[in-house]
Amino acid sequence: MDIKLNFINHSNDANNSEVVIFAKNVATSVGETAVAWTVIQNCGQGDNHPFTYPMTTQVGASDSWGNFTPPQDAADGQQFSMVLESSGDVLRESGPAASPNEIEVLNNLPKGAINAGIYKSGKLYAQETTIAPQQKAVFQFKPTIWIGVASQVVQGEVMNTAIVSEINNEISLLGVASADIVMTGGGPGAESTPFQFSLQNVTFA
């Protein structure tokens, strides 16, 4: 079941800040790039922005010739390989991953690096780039999202590491069927407080 979420702006922010939602790939080292999965814009005080966090995940890849594979459903514990077939480069399921909690993308091409991406709701959720032949990208996610206020972020693009390091609002979606994500805080001048994000009106699955 997909999780129905509803962002509500109850902050004191009058700067029309952008709110970014993203994931962290826990299978990679610290400092790994994060992708702006969802960016909420122009959501004024008192406004709300409903969105869905899907339980299903897709995987796709691109090669060094600028070709992109169509996203295909992927589940934890699966490995996919980019292989050269008679028609050209294709992404195929290729057996189990090393861990049941991970999705792997192996570059099985004779030459040329690939990029691998994870998608949710048709939007880029995480990516690993320049995977050399016989190397693999490994993706693993906790049932959480990260949310914060940011500027100059573009949905579907990698975020500046400085922005990512400043956002420490981690929201667990474990067992949640629907919930409001309420933003408070902010505001002008010395009275300003940090932005806070809390889950309210939670319905559990």
N, C-alpha and C. Protein backbone atom coordinates (compact mmCIF):
# COMPACT_ATOMS: atom_id res chain seq x y z
N MET A 1 0.85 -1.20 0.00
CA MET A 1 0.00 0.00 0.00
C MET A 1 0.88 1.26 0.00
N ASP A 2 0.58 2.17 -0.91
CA ASP A 2 1.31 3.42 -0.93
C ASP A 2 0.92 4.26 0.31
N ILE A 3 1.84 5.13 0.71
CA ILE A 3 1.61 5.97 1.88
C ILE A 3 1.13 7.34 1.41
N LYS A 4 0.00 7.75 1.92
CA LYS A 4 -0.56 9.05 1.54
C LYS A 4 -0.08 10.09 2.55
N LEU A 5 0.64 11.08 2.05
CA LEU A 5 1.19 12.12 2.91
C LEU A 5 0.64 13.48 2.50
N ASN A 6 0.58 14.38 3.46
CA ASN A 6 0.04 15.71 3.20
C ASN A 6 0.91 16.73 3.92
N PHE A 7 1.70 17.47 3.16
CA PHE A 7 2.53 18.52 3.74
C PHE A 7 1.65 19.74 4.04
N ILE A 8 1.80 20.28 5.26
CA ILE A 8 1.02 21.47 5.66
C ILE A 8 2.00 22.53 6.16
N ASN A 9 1.88 23.72 5.62
CA ASN A 9 2.75 24.83 6.03
C ASN A 9 2.08 25.63 7.15
N HIS A 10 2.52 25.36 8.39
CA HIS A 10 2.07 26.14 9.55
C HIS A 10 3.24 26.95 10.10
N SER A 11 4.19 27.29 9.23
CA SER A 11 5.37 28.02 9.68
C SER A 11 5.12 29.52 9.68
N ASN A 12 6.12 30.24 10.20
CA ASN A 12 6.08 31.70 10.18
C ASN A 12 6.91 32.27 9.03
N ASP A 13 7.25 31.41 8.09
CA ASP A 13 8.14 31.80 6.99
C ASP A 13 7.37 32.61 5.95
N ALA A 14 7.89 33.80 5.66
CA ALA A 14 7.28 34.65 4.65
C ALA A 14 8.16 34.76 3.40
N ASN A 15 9.18 33.90 3.32
CA ASN A 15 10.14 33.98 2.21
C ASN A 15 9.82 33.02 1.07
N ASN A 16 8.66 32.35 1.15
CA ASN A 16 8.28 31.39 0.11
C ASN A 16 9.41 30.39 -0.13
N SER A 17 9.88 29.79 0.97
CA SER A 17 10.98 28.84 0.88
C SER A 17 10.54 27.56 0.18
N GLU A 18 11.49 26.90 -0.44
CA GLU A 18 11.22 25.60 -1.05
C GLU A 18 11.48 24.50 -0.03
N VAL A 19 10.63 23.49 -0.08
CA VAL A 19 10.79 22.34 0.81
C VAL A 19 11.21 21.14 -0.04
N VAL A 20 12.28 20.49 0.36
CA VAL A 20 12.81 19.37 -0.42
C VAL A 20 12.68 18.08 0.39
N ILE A 21 12.31 17.01 -0.31
CA ILE A 21 12.18 15.69 0.29
C ILE A 21 13.11 14.74 -0.46
N PHE A 22 13.89 13.96 0.28
CA PHE A 22 14.86 13.10 -0.39
C PHE A 22 15.16 11.88 0.48
N ALA A 23 15.91 10.95 -0.11
CA ALA A 23 16.31 9.73 0.58
C ALA A 23 17.83 9.70 0.69
N LYS A 24 18.32 8.89 1.62
CA LYS A 24 19.75 8.65 1.72
C LYS A 24 20.00 7.16 1.48
N ASN A 25 20.94 6.90 0.58
CA ASN A 25 21.31 5.52 0.28
C ASN A 25 22.28 5.04 1.35
N VAL A 26 21.80 4.17 2.25
CA VAL A 26 22.62 3.77 3.39
C VAL A 26 23.67 2.72 3.00
N ALA A 27 23.64 2.27 1.75
CA ALA A 27 24.64 1.29 1.30
C ALA A 27 25.94 1.97 0.85
N THR A 28 25.95 3.30 0.81
CA THR A 28 27.15 4.00 0.34
C THR A 28 27.80 4.76 1.47
N SER A 29 28.98 5.24 1.20
CA SER A 29 29.76 5.93 2.22
C SER A 29 29.15 7.30 2.53
N VAL A 30 29.60 7.85 3.64
CA VAL A 30 29.17 9.19 4.03
C VAL A 30 29.62 10.19 2.96
N GLY A 31 28.79 11.20 2.73
CA GLY A 31 29.13 12.18 1.72
C GLY A 31 28.59 11.83 0.35
N GLU A 32 27.88 10.72 0.27
CA GLU A 32 27.27 10.33 -1.00
C GLU A 32 26.23 11.37 -1.40
N THR A 33 26.12 11.62 -2.67
CA THR A 33 25.18 12.62 -3.15
C THR A 33 23.74 12.16 -2.95
N ALA A 34 22.87 13.11 -2.70
CA ALA A 34 21.45 12.84 -2.57
C ALA A 34 20.71 13.59 -3.67
N VAL A 35 19.61 13.00 -4.13
CA VAL A 35 18.81 13.57 -5.21
C VAL A 35 17.56 14.22 -4.61
N ALA A 36 17.21 15.39 -5.12
CA ALA A 36 15.97 16.05 -4.70
C ALA A 36 14.79 15.31 -5.32
N TRP A 37 14.19 14.40 -4.55
CA TRP A 37 13.11 13.56 -5.09
C TRP A 37 11.84 14.37 -5.32
N THR A 38 11.45 15.16 -4.33
CA THR A 38 10.26 16.00 -4.45
C THR A 38 10.59 17.38 -3.93
N VAL A 39 10.26 18.40 -4.70
CA VAL A 39 10.44 19.79 -4.27
C VAL A 39 9.07 20.46 -4.25
N ILE A 40 8.69 20.97 -3.08
CA ILE A 40 7.41 21.66 -2.91
C ILE A 40 7.67 23.16 -2.99
N GLN A 41 6.99 23.82 -3.94
CA GLN A 41 7.22 25.24 -4.19
C GLN A 41 5.93 26.04 -4.04
N ASN A 42 6.09 27.30 -3.64
CA ASN A 42 4.96 28.25 -3.58
C ASN A 42 3.83 27.79 -2.68
N CYS A 43 4.17 27.02 -1.64
CA CYS A 43 3.15 26.53 -0.70
C CYS A 43 3.07 27.53 0.46
N GLY A 44 2.10 28.45 0.37
CA GLY A 44 2.01 29.55 1.31
C GLY A 44 1.55 29.12 2.69
N GLN A 45 1.61 30.06 3.62
CA GLN A 45 1.20 29.79 5.00
C GLN A 45 -0.24 29.31 5.02
N GLY A 46 -0.45 28.18 5.67
CA GLY A 46 -1.78 27.58 5.74
C GLY A 46 -2.11 26.65 4.60
N ASP A 47 -1.29 26.69 3.53
CA ASP A 47 -1.53 25.80 2.38
C ASP A 47 -1.08 24.38 2.71
N ASN A 48 -1.59 23.45 1.92
CA ASN A 48 -1.14 22.06 2.06
C ASN A 48 -0.79 21.49 0.68
N HIS A 49 0.01 20.45 0.68
CA HIS A 49 0.48 19.85 -0.57
C HIS A 49 0.46 18.32 -0.40
N PRO A 50 -0.60 17.66 -0.90
CA PRO A 50 -0.67 16.19 -0.78
C PRO A 50 0.26 15.52 -1.78
N PHE A 51 0.88 14.42 -1.36
CA PHE A 51 1.69 13.62 -2.26
C PHE A 51 1.71 12.18 -1.75
N THR A 52 2.18 11.29 -2.60
CA THR A 52 2.18 9.86 -2.28
C THR A 52 3.60 9.35 -2.23
N TYR A 53 3.88 8.56 -1.21
CA TYR A 53 5.16 7.85 -1.15
C TYR A 53 4.88 6.39 -1.53
N PRO A 54 5.27 5.97 -2.74
CA PRO A 54 4.92 4.62 -3.19
C PRO A 54 5.81 3.56 -2.57
N MET A 55 5.23 2.42 -2.31
CA MET A 55 6.00 1.29 -1.81
C MET A 55 6.82 0.63 -2.93
N THR A 56 6.36 0.79 -4.17
CA THR A 56 7.08 0.17 -5.28
C THR A 56 8.26 1.05 -5.71
N THR A 57 9.25 0.38 -6.26
CA THR A 57 10.48 1.04 -6.68
C THR A 57 10.82 0.57 -8.08
N GLN A 58 11.40 1.48 -8.87
CA GLN A 58 11.88 1.10 -10.21
C GLN A 58 13.38 1.37 -10.30
N VAL A 59 14.01 0.67 -11.23
CA VAL A 59 15.44 0.85 -11.48
C VAL A 59 15.64 1.13 -12.97
N GLY A 60 16.61 1.97 -13.26
CA GLY A 60 16.95 2.25 -14.65
C GLY A 60 18.43 2.56 -14.73
N ALA A 61 18.96 2.59 -15.94
CA ALA A 61 20.39 2.88 -16.11
C ALA A 61 20.60 3.62 -17.42
N SER A 62 21.73 4.30 -17.50
CA SER A 62 22.14 4.94 -18.75
C SER A 62 23.58 4.57 -19.02
N ASP A 63 23.93 4.55 -20.31
CA ASP A 63 25.30 4.16 -20.68
C ASP A 63 26.10 5.37 -21.14
N SER A 64 27.36 5.14 -21.46
CA SER A 64 28.25 6.25 -21.83
C SER A 64 27.96 6.78 -23.23
N TRP A 65 27.02 6.14 -23.95
CA TRP A 65 26.61 6.62 -25.27
C TRP A 65 25.35 7.47 -25.19
N GLY A 66 24.90 7.74 -23.98
CA GLY A 66 23.73 8.61 -23.81
C GLY A 66 22.40 7.91 -23.94
N ASN A 67 22.40 6.57 -23.84
CA ASN A 67 21.15 5.81 -23.93
C ASN A 67 20.61 5.54 -22.52
N PHE A 68 19.28 5.59 -22.40
CA PHE A 68 18.63 5.34 -21.12
C PHE A 68 17.71 4.12 -21.23
N THR A 69 17.79 3.22 -20.28
CA THR A 69 16.89 2.05 -20.28
C THR A 69 15.54 2.47 -19.68
N PRO A 70 14.46 1.80 -20.08
CA PRO A 70 13.17 2.11 -19.45
C PRO A 70 13.18 1.62 -18.00
N PRO A 71 12.61 2.39 -17.08
CA PRO A 71 12.54 1.93 -15.69
C PRO A 71 11.75 0.63 -15.60
N GLN A 72 12.23 -0.27 -14.75
CA GLN A 72 11.51 -1.52 -14.52
C GLN A 72 11.43 -1.77 -13.01
N ASP A 73 10.36 -2.47 -12.61
CA ASP A 73 10.13 -2.71 -11.19
C ASP A 73 11.30 -3.45 -10.57
N ALA A 74 11.67 -3.03 -9.38
CA ALA A 74 12.78 -3.64 -8.66
C ALA A 74 12.39 -3.80 -7.20
N ALA A 75 12.83 -4.90 -6.61
CA ALA A 75 12.56 -5.16 -5.20
C ALA A 75 13.88 -5.44 -4.48
N ASP A 76 13.86 -5.21 -3.18
CA ASP A 76 15.05 -5.53 -2.39
C ASP A 76 15.46 -6.98 -2.63
N GLY A 77 16.76 -7.19 -2.74
CA GLY A 77 17.27 -8.54 -2.95
C GLY A 77 17.49 -8.90 -4.40
N GLN A 78 17.19 -7.97 -5.32
CA GLN A 78 17.37 -8.24 -6.75
C GLN A 78 18.64 -7.58 -7.28
N GLN A 79 19.29 -8.26 -8.22
CA GLN A 79 20.40 -7.67 -8.96
C GLN A 79 20.00 -7.50 -10.43
N PHE A 80 20.39 -6.37 -11.00
CA PHE A 80 20.19 -6.09 -12.42
C PHE A 80 21.55 -5.87 -13.05
N SER A 81 21.66 -6.24 -14.32
CA SER A 81 22.93 -6.08 -15.02
C SER A 81 22.71 -5.37 -16.34
N MET A 82 23.61 -4.45 -16.65
CA MET A 82 23.64 -3.81 -17.96
C MET A 82 24.51 -4.68 -18.85
N VAL A 83 23.91 -5.21 -19.92
CA VAL A 83 24.62 -6.16 -20.78
C VAL A 83 24.51 -5.71 -22.24
N LEU A 84 25.48 -6.13 -23.02
CA LEU A 84 25.47 -5.84 -24.45
C LEU A 84 24.82 -7.01 -25.17
N GLU A 85 23.65 -6.75 -25.79
CA GLU A 85 22.98 -7.77 -26.58
C GLU A 85 23.05 -7.38 -28.05
N SER A 86 22.48 -8.19 -28.90
CA SER A 86 22.58 -7.94 -30.34
C SER A 86 21.97 -6.60 -30.72
N SER A 87 20.95 -6.14 -29.94
CA SER A 87 20.31 -4.87 -30.24
C SER A 87 21.05 -3.68 -29.64
N GLY A 88 21.97 -3.94 -28.72
CA GLY A 88 22.66 -2.86 -28.01
C GLY A 88 22.62 -3.11 -26.50
N ASP A 89 22.82 -2.05 -25.73
CA ASP A 89 22.88 -2.17 -24.28
C ASP A 89 21.47 -2.28 -23.70
N VAL A 90 21.26 -3.26 -22.82
CA VAL A 90 19.97 -3.45 -22.16
C VAL A 90 20.21 -3.78 -20.69
N LEU A 91 19.21 -3.45 -19.86
CA LEU A 91 19.25 -3.76 -18.43
C LEU A 91 18.36 -4.97 -18.17
N ARG A 92 18.95 -6.00 -17.57
CA ARG A 92 18.24 -7.25 -17.31
C ARG A 92 18.35 -7.63 -15.84
N GLU A 93 17.28 -8.24 -15.30
CA GLU A 93 17.42 -8.85 -13.98
C GLU A 93 18.40 -10.00 -14.09
N SER A 94 19.31 -10.10 -13.11
CA SER A 94 20.39 -11.09 -13.25
C SER A 94 20.60 -11.91 -11.99
N GLY A 95 19.54 -12.06 -11.18
CA GLY A 95 19.66 -12.93 -10.01
C GLY A 95 19.57 -12.18 -8.70
N PRO A 96 19.92 -12.85 -7.61
CA PRO A 96 19.81 -12.21 -6.30
C PRO A 96 20.97 -11.26 -6.02
N ALA A 97 20.68 -10.23 -5.25
CA ALA A 97 21.73 -9.34 -4.76
C ALA A 97 22.48 -10.01 -3.61
N ALA A 98 23.62 -9.44 -3.24
CA ALA A 98 24.42 -10.02 -2.15
C ALA A 98 23.68 -9.96 -0.82
N SER A 99 22.83 -8.95 -0.67
CA SER A 99 22.04 -8.80 0.56
C SER A 99 20.56 -8.73 0.20
N PRO A 100 19.68 -9.32 1.01
CA PRO A 100 18.24 -9.27 0.74
C PRO A 100 17.66 -7.87 0.93
N ASN A 101 18.45 -6.95 1.49
CA ASN A 101 17.97 -5.59 1.73
C ASN A 101 18.45 -4.60 0.68
N GLU A 102 19.14 -5.10 -0.34
CA GLU A 102 19.78 -4.20 -1.30
C GLU A 102 19.30 -4.48 -2.73
N ILE A 103 19.35 -3.43 -3.54
CA ILE A 103 19.16 -3.55 -4.99
C ILE A 103 20.51 -3.25 -5.63
N GLU A 104 20.97 -4.13 -6.50
CA GLU A 104 22.27 -3.95 -7.13
C GLU A 104 22.10 -3.73 -8.64
N VAL A 105 22.98 -2.89 -9.19
CA VAL A 105 23.06 -2.70 -10.63
C VAL A 105 24.51 -2.92 -11.03
N LEU A 106 24.73 -4.00 -11.78
CA LEU A 106 26.08 -4.39 -12.20
C LEU A 106 26.34 -3.92 -13.63
N ASN A 107 27.50 -3.34 -13.84
CA ASN A 107 27.91 -2.99 -15.20
C ASN A 107 28.61 -4.20 -15.81
N ASN A 108 27.88 -4.92 -16.66
CA ASN A 108 28.43 -6.12 -17.29
C ASN A 108 28.77 -5.85 -18.76
N LEU A 109 28.97 -4.57 -19.09
CA LEU A 109 29.36 -4.23 -20.46
C LEU A 109 30.86 -4.46 -20.65
N PRO A 110 31.29 -4.74 -21.89
CA PRO A 110 32.72 -4.92 -22.14
C PRO A 110 33.51 -3.62 -21.97
N LYS A 111 32.83 -2.48 -22.22
CA LYS A 111 33.52 -1.19 -22.03
C LYS A 111 32.49 -0.10 -21.81
N GLY A 112 32.93 0.98 -21.17
CA GLY A 112 32.06 2.13 -20.93
C GLY A 112 31.40 2.10 -19.57
N ALA A 113 31.44 3.23 -18.87
CA ALA A 113 30.80 3.35 -17.57
C ALA A 113 29.30 3.53 -17.72
N ILE A 114 28.57 3.23 -16.67
CA ILE A 114 27.12 3.44 -16.66
C ILE A 114 26.73 4.25 -15.43
N ASN A 115 25.54 4.82 -15.49
CA ASN A 115 24.89 5.43 -14.32
C ASN A 115 23.67 4.59 -13.99
N ALA A 116 23.40 4.43 -12.70
CA ALA A 116 22.23 3.67 -12.27
C ALA A 116 21.34 4.56 -11.42
N GLY A 117 20.03 4.43 -11.61
CA GLY A 117 19.08 5.26 -10.87
C GLY A 117 17.96 4.44 -10.27
N ILE A 118 17.50 4.88 -9.11
CA ILE A 118 16.31 4.33 -8.47
C ILE A 118 15.20 5.37 -8.59
N TYR A 119 13.99 4.92 -8.93
CA TYR A 119 12.88 5.83 -9.16
C TYR A 119 11.70 5.48 -8.26
N LYS A 120 10.99 6.50 -7.80
CA LYS A 120 9.71 6.34 -7.13
C LYS A 120 8.75 7.38 -7.71
N SER A 121 7.54 6.97 -8.01
CA SER A 121 6.53 7.85 -8.66
C SER A 121 7.06 8.42 -9.96
N GLY A 122 7.93 7.68 -10.64
CA GLY A 122 8.46 8.13 -11.91
C GLY A 122 9.52 9.21 -11.78
N LYS A 123 9.92 9.52 -10.55
CA LYS A 123 10.92 10.57 -10.32
C LYS A 123 12.19 9.94 -9.75
N LEU A 124 13.33 10.51 -10.14
CA LEU A 124 14.60 9.99 -9.66
C LEU A 124 14.69 10.12 -8.15
N TYR A 125 15.00 9.01 -7.49
CA TYR A 125 15.01 8.91 -6.02
C TYR A 125 16.44 8.83 -5.49
N ALA A 126 17.30 8.18 -6.23
CA ALA A 126 18.71 8.04 -5.86
C ALA A 126 19.48 7.61 -7.09
N GLN A 127 20.77 7.91 -7.12
CA GLN A 127 21.56 7.48 -8.26
C GLN A 127 23.01 7.25 -7.87
N GLU A 128 23.65 6.42 -8.67
CA GLU A 128 25.10 6.21 -8.59
C GLU A 128 25.64 6.41 -10.00
N THR A 129 26.74 7.12 -10.12
CA THR A 129 27.26 7.46 -11.44
C THR A 129 28.63 6.84 -11.68
N THR A 130 29.01 6.82 -12.95
CA THR A 130 30.32 6.35 -13.43
C THR A 130 30.71 5.01 -12.80
N ILE A 131 29.84 4.02 -13.04
CA ILE A 131 30.12 2.65 -12.58
C ILE A 131 30.89 1.94 -13.69
N ALA A 132 32.12 1.60 -13.41
CA ALA A 132 32.99 1.00 -14.43
C ALA A 132 32.57 -0.44 -14.71
N PRO A 133 33.00 -1.00 -15.86
CA PRO A 133 32.70 -2.40 -16.14
C PRO A 133 33.13 -3.33 -15.00
N GLN A 134 32.24 -4.27 -14.67
CA GLN A 134 32.40 -5.25 -13.60
C GLN A 134 32.31 -4.64 -12.20
N GLN A 135 31.95 -3.36 -12.13
CA GLN A 135 31.63 -2.74 -10.84
C GLN A 135 30.11 -2.68 -10.71
N LYS A 136 29.64 -2.48 -9.48
CA LYS A 136 28.19 -2.43 -9.28
C LYS A 136 27.81 -1.30 -8.33
N ALA A 137 26.63 -0.76 -8.58
CA ALA A 137 26.00 0.19 -7.66
C ALA A 137 25.13 -0.60 -6.70
N VAL A 138 25.13 -0.17 -5.44
CA VAL A 138 24.34 -0.84 -4.42
C VAL A 138 23.43 0.19 -3.75
N PHE A 139 22.15 -0.13 -3.69
CA PHE A 139 21.17 0.78 -3.11
C PHE A 139 20.47 0.09 -1.94
N GLN A 140 20.40 0.79 -0.83
CA GLN A 140 19.63 0.31 0.32
C GLN A 140 19.05 1.52 1.04
N PHE A 141 17.77 1.43 1.39
CA PHE A 141 17.09 2.57 2.01
C PHE A 141 16.37 2.14 3.28
N LYS A 142 16.43 2.99 4.28
CA LYS A 142 15.60 2.81 5.46
C LYS A 142 14.19 3.33 5.12
N PRO A 143 13.17 2.92 5.88
CA PRO A 143 11.81 3.41 5.61
C PRO A 143 11.62 4.82 6.17
N THR A 144 12.49 5.73 5.69
CA THR A 144 12.43 7.10 6.16
C THR A 144 12.58 8.06 4.98
N ILE A 145 12.12 9.28 5.19
CA ILE A 145 12.41 10.36 4.25
C ILE A 145 13.09 11.48 5.03
N TRP A 146 13.85 12.26 4.32
CA TRP A 146 14.48 13.46 4.88
C TRP A 146 13.77 14.67 4.28
N ILE A 147 13.52 15.67 5.11
CA ILE A 147 12.78 16.83 4.64
C ILE A 147 13.39 18.09 5.24
N GLY A 148 13.45 19.15 4.45
CA GLY A 148 14.00 20.39 4.95
C GLY A 148 13.73 21.53 4.01
N VAL A 149 14.08 22.72 4.47
CA VAL A 149 13.93 23.93 3.68
C VAL A 149 15.24 24.20 2.96
N ALA A 150 15.16 24.48 1.68
CA ALA A 150 16.38 24.69 0.89
C ALA A 150 16.09 25.70 -0.21
N SER A 151 17.15 26.17 -0.83
CA SER A 151 17.00 27.04 -1.98
C SER A 151 17.90 26.52 -3.09
N GLN A 152 17.57 26.88 -4.30
CA GLN A 152 18.34 26.45 -5.47
C GLN A 152 18.44 24.93 -5.58
N VAL A 153 17.34 24.24 -5.28
CA VAL A 153 17.31 22.79 -5.52
C VAL A 153 16.34 22.53 -6.67
N VAL A 154 16.69 21.57 -7.49
CA VAL A 154 15.88 21.23 -8.65
C VAL A 154 15.45 19.77 -8.52
N GLN A 155 14.15 19.53 -8.64
CA GLN A 155 13.62 18.18 -8.52
C GLN A 155 14.27 17.27 -9.55
N GLY A 156 14.76 16.10 -9.08
CA GLY A 156 15.39 15.14 -9.96
C GLY A 156 16.87 15.35 -10.18
N GLU A 157 17.44 16.37 -9.53
CA GLU A 157 18.86 16.64 -9.68
C GLU A 157 19.59 16.45 -8.36
N VAL A 158 20.89 16.19 -8.47
CA VAL A 158 21.72 16.00 -7.28
C VAL A 158 21.82 17.31 -6.51
N MET A 159 21.73 17.21 -5.19
CA MET A 159 21.79 18.40 -4.35
C MET A 159 23.21 18.65 -3.87
N ASN A 160 23.49 19.90 -3.62
CA ASN A 160 24.77 20.30 -3.04
C ASN A 160 24.95 19.60 -1.69
N THR A 161 26.14 19.06 -1.45
CA THR A 161 26.37 18.33 -0.19
C THR A 161 26.21 19.24 1.02
N ALA A 162 26.49 20.53 0.87
CA ALA A 162 26.31 21.46 1.99
C ALA A 162 24.84 21.56 2.38
N ILE A 163 23.94 21.55 1.39
CA ILE A 163 22.50 21.58 1.67
C ILE A 163 22.08 20.31 2.40
N VAL A 164 22.56 19.18 1.89
CA VAL A 164 22.17 17.90 2.50
C VAL A 164 22.64 17.82 3.95
N SER A 165 23.85 18.30 4.21
CA SER A 165 24.41 18.19 5.57
C SER A 165 23.66 19.07 6.56
N GLU A 166 22.99 20.11 6.07
CA GLU A 166 22.26 21.00 6.97
C GLU A 166 20.86 20.49 7.30
N ILE A 167 20.36 19.53 6.52
CA ILE A 167 19.00 19.02 6.75
C ILE A 167 19.08 17.77 7.61
N ASN A 168 18.53 17.86 8.81
CA ASN A 168 18.61 16.73 9.74
C ASN A 168 17.24 16.27 10.20
N ASN A 169 16.21 16.61 9.42
CA ASN A 169 14.85 16.18 9.77
C ASN A 169 14.55 14.85 9.09
N GLU A 170 14.71 13.76 9.84
CA GLU A 170 14.45 12.41 9.31
C GLU A 170 13.10 11.95 9.85
N ILE A 171 12.20 11.56 8.95
CA ILE A 171 10.85 11.14 9.34
C ILE A 171 10.67 9.68 8.99
N SER A 172 10.37 8.87 9.99
CA SER A 172 10.15 7.45 9.76
C SER A 172 8.73 7.21 9.24
N LEU A 173 8.64 6.42 8.17
CA LEU A 173 7.34 6.05 7.61
C LEU A 173 6.98 4.60 7.92
N LEU A 174 7.73 3.99 8.82
CA LEU A 174 7.51 2.58 9.13
C LEU A 174 6.12 2.36 9.71
N GLY A 175 5.32 1.54 9.03
CA GLY A 175 3.99 1.21 9.51
C GLY A 175 2.94 2.28 9.27
N VAL A 176 3.33 3.38 8.61
CA VAL A 176 2.39 4.49 8.40
C VAL A 176 1.58 4.25 7.12
N ALA A 177 0.27 4.48 7.20
CA ALA A 177 -0.59 4.41 6.02
C ALA A 177 -0.85 5.80 5.46
N SER A 178 -1.05 6.77 6.35
CA SER A 178 -1.24 8.16 5.93
C SER A 178 -0.88 9.06 7.10
N ALA A 179 -0.49 10.30 6.77
CA ALA A 179 -0.12 11.24 7.81
C ALA A 179 0.02 12.63 7.22
N ASP A 180 -0.11 13.63 8.11
CA ASP A 180 0.25 15.00 7.76
C ASP A 180 1.70 15.24 8.19
N ILE A 181 2.43 15.96 7.34
CA ILE A 181 3.76 16.44 7.72
C ILE A 181 3.62 17.95 7.91
N VAL A 182 3.69 18.38 9.17
CA VAL A 182 3.41 19.77 9.50
C VAL A 182 4.72 20.52 9.73
N MET A 183 4.90 21.62 8.99
CA MET A 183 6.09 22.45 9.14
C MET A 183 5.77 23.65 10.02
N THR A 184 6.57 23.86 11.05
CA THR A 184 6.42 25.01 11.93
C THR A 184 7.78 25.70 12.05
N GLY A 185 7.79 26.82 12.74
CA GLY A 185 9.03 27.55 12.94
C GLY A 185 9.27 28.57 11.84
N GLY A 186 10.54 29.00 11.76
CA GLY A 186 10.89 30.01 10.77
C GLY A 186 10.45 31.39 11.22
N GLY A 187 10.46 32.32 10.30
CA GLY A 187 10.01 33.67 10.60
C GLY A 187 11.14 34.68 10.55
N PRO A 188 10.79 35.95 10.62
CA PRO A 188 11.79 37.01 10.45
C PRO A 188 12.52 37.35 11.74
N GLY A 189 13.72 37.89 11.58
CA GLY A 189 14.42 38.55 12.67
C GLY A 189 14.83 37.65 13.82
N ALA A 190 15.05 38.30 14.98
CA ALA A 190 15.58 37.60 16.16
C ALA A 190 14.59 36.60 16.74
N GLU A 191 13.31 36.76 16.41
CA GLU A 191 12.30 35.85 16.95
C GLU A 191 12.25 34.53 16.17
N SER A 192 13.01 34.46 15.10
CA SER A 192 12.95 33.28 14.24
C SER A 192 13.43 32.03 14.97
N THR A 193 12.75 30.93 14.73
CA THR A 193 13.15 29.64 15.30
C THR A 193 13.43 28.67 14.16
N PRO A 194 14.19 27.60 14.41
CA PRO A 194 14.46 26.63 13.34
C PRO A 194 13.16 26.01 12.84
N PHE A 195 13.17 25.65 11.57
CA PHE A 195 12.02 24.92 11.02
C PHE A 195 11.92 23.54 11.67
N GLN A 196 10.70 23.15 12.00
CA GLN A 196 10.45 21.83 12.56
C GLN A 196 9.44 21.12 11.66
N PHE A 197 9.61 19.81 11.55
CA PHE A 197 8.69 18.99 10.77
C PHE A 197 8.22 17.84 11.66
N SER A 198 6.90 17.69 11.77
CA SER A 198 6.37 16.63 12.63
C SER A 198 5.25 15.89 11.91
N LEU A 199 5.16 14.59 12.20
CA LEU A 199 4.06 13.78 11.68
C LEU A 199 2.86 13.95 12.60
N GLN A 200 1.72 14.28 12.01
CA GLN A 200 0.48 14.41 12.78
C GLN A 200 -0.65 13.67 12.07
N ASN A 201 -1.72 13.41 12.81
CA ASN A 201 -2.89 12.70 12.26
C ASN A 201 -2.47 11.41 11.55
N VAL A 202 -1.62 10.65 12.23
CA VAL A 202 -1.07 9.43 11.63
C VAL A 202 -2.08 8.30 11.66
N THR A 203 -2.26 7.65 10.52
CA THR A 203 -3.02 6.40 10.45
C THR A 203 -2.02 5.29 10.14
N PHE A 204 -2.04 4.25 10.96
CA PHE A 204 -1.09 3.16 10.77
C PHE A 204 -1.66 2.06 9.89
N ALA A 205 -0.79 1.45 9.14
CA ALA A 205 -1.20 0.40 8.20
C ALA A 205 -1.64 -0.85 8.95
